[in-house]
Protein backbone atom coordinates (compact mmCIF):
# COMPACT_ATOMS: atom_id res chain seq x y z
CA MET A 1 -78.00 53.90 -30.47
CA ALA A 2 -78.61 54.29 -26.71
CA ASP A 3 -75.45 52.28 -25.98
CA GLU A 4 -73.43 54.60 -28.22
CA LEU A 5 -74.88 57.63 -26.42
CA GLN A 6 -73.99 56.19 -23.01
CA LEU A 7 -70.47 55.37 -24.22
CA ALA A 8 -70.10 58.93 -25.48
CA GLU A 9 -71.26 60.28 -22.10
CA LEU A 10 -68.78 58.02 -20.29
CA ALA A 11 -66.03 59.16 -22.66
CA ASP A 12 -66.87 62.78 -21.81
CA ALA A 13 -66.36 61.95 -18.13
CA LEU A 14 -62.85 60.62 -18.74
CA PRO A 15 -59.96 63.06 -18.33
CA GLY A 16 -58.38 64.28 -21.56
CA SER A 17 -61.43 63.59 -23.72
CA ASP A 18 -62.69 66.22 -26.14
CA PRO A 19 -66.49 65.91 -26.46
CA GLN A 20 -66.59 68.28 -29.47
CA SER A 21 -64.09 66.32 -31.52
CA ALA A 22 -65.24 63.88 -34.22
CA ARG A 23 -61.66 62.63 -34.28
CA GLY A 24 -61.94 61.81 -30.59
CA ALA A 25 -65.05 59.70 -31.27
CA ARG A 26 -63.24 57.77 -34.01
CA GLU A 27 -60.27 57.19 -31.70
CA LEU A 28 -62.63 55.89 -29.02
CA GLU A 29 -63.82 53.16 -31.41
CA ALA A 30 -60.40 51.53 -31.04
CA VAL A 31 -61.22 50.63 -27.41
CA TYR A 32 -64.79 49.33 -27.89
CA ASP A 33 -63.71 45.66 -27.71
CA ILE A 34 -61.43 45.98 -24.66
CA PRO A 35 -63.01 44.14 -21.70
CA VAL A 36 -63.51 46.13 -18.51
CA THR A 37 -64.74 45.18 -15.04
CA VAL A 38 -68.01 46.88 -14.06
CA SER A 39 -68.99 46.88 -10.38
CA ALA A 40 -72.16 48.20 -8.78
CA VAL A 41 -71.65 48.99 -5.09
CA LEU A 42 -74.78 48.96 -2.94
CA GLY A 43 -72.92 50.32 0.07
CA ARG A 44 -70.00 49.75 2.41
CA ALA A 45 -69.45 48.70 6.00
CA THR A 46 -66.41 48.77 8.25
CA MET A 47 -65.98 46.35 11.14
CA PRO A 48 -63.19 44.73 13.13
CA VAL A 49 -62.06 41.25 12.06
CA ASN A 50 -63.36 39.65 15.27
CA GLN A 51 -66.88 40.96 14.51
CA LEU A 52 -66.59 39.74 10.91
CA LEU A 53 -65.63 36.25 12.13
CA LYS A 54 -68.74 36.13 14.34
CA LEU A 55 -71.08 36.62 11.36
CA GLY A 56 -73.07 33.56 10.42
CA ARG A 57 -75.89 32.59 8.11
CA GLY A 58 -78.70 35.12 8.31
CA ALA A 59 -76.51 37.86 9.81
CA VAL A 60 -77.31 41.38 8.64
CA VAL A 61 -74.50 43.79 7.84
CA GLU A 62 -75.68 47.39 7.92
CA LEU A 63 -74.40 49.42 4.95
CA ASP A 64 -73.69 53.14 4.76
CA ARG A 65 -76.57 53.78 2.31
CA LYS A 66 -80.26 54.41 2.80
CA LEU A 67 -83.03 52.54 1.02
CA GLY A 68 -83.63 54.14 -2.38
CA GLU A 69 -80.30 55.98 -2.42
CA ALA A 70 -78.30 55.76 -5.66
CA ILE A 71 -75.62 53.08 -5.92
CA ASP A 72 -72.11 53.70 -7.24
CA ILE A 73 -71.06 52.21 -10.58
CA TYR A 74 -67.34 51.60 -11.05
CA VAL A 75 -65.45 50.68 -14.21
CA ASN A 76 -62.03 49.19 -13.46
CA ASN A 77 -62.28 50.51 -9.87
CA ARG A 78 -63.02 54.06 -11.01
CA LEU A 79 -66.32 55.73 -10.13
CA VAL A 80 -68.03 56.64 -13.42
CA ALA A 81 -71.75 56.77 -12.67
CA ARG A 82 -74.57 56.36 -10.17
CA GLY A 83 -77.69 54.34 -10.70
CA GLU A 84 -80.57 52.28 -9.42
CA VAL A 85 -81.05 48.54 -9.07
CA VAL A 86 -83.65 47.14 -11.48
CA MET A 87 -85.15 43.69 -12.08
CA VAL A 88 -83.98 42.33 -15.47
CA ASP A 89 -86.13 39.18 -15.49
CA ASP A 90 -87.59 36.82 -12.91
CA ASN A 91 -84.36 36.12 -11.07
CA ARG A 92 -81.70 38.58 -12.25
CA LEU A 93 -80.80 42.09 -11.18
CA GLY A 94 -79.37 44.92 -13.25
CA VAL A 95 -78.39 48.54 -12.82
CA THR A 96 -79.73 51.51 -14.72
CA MET A 97 -77.48 54.59 -14.87
CA THR A 98 -79.13 57.75 -13.61
CA GLU A 99 -76.08 60.04 -13.42
CA ILE A 100 -72.68 60.13 -15.10
CA VAL A 101 -69.94 61.25 -12.70
CA LYS A 102 -67.78 63.90 -14.37
CA GLY A 103 -64.03 64.37 -14.04
CA ASP A 104 -62.27 63.78 -10.72
CA ARG A 105 -65.43 63.74 -8.55
CA GLN A 106 -65.05 60.39 -6.79
CA ASN A 107 -67.73 60.39 -4.07
């Protein structure tokens, strides 16, 4: 049930969706099995190639985010949500969505 709620919230964030329409929900079912690429971006860094080539094992690349700041969640390279990193089990990470990004708001 929670997955269906999150899918409905994501559908509301997509342009052209009608959150009040039962027909729209039925039409959305047609895409449930289409695979998508989900990316969670911790942060970004920009540097010249020569600096990149100097990086070695143990090098630290400073990102544009602060500790505890929400990460961006992309679906097929489109920003759809923000969230937090969570521990799934002893050695795996996951992301929990804390905010759905509406409409054309991309940053």
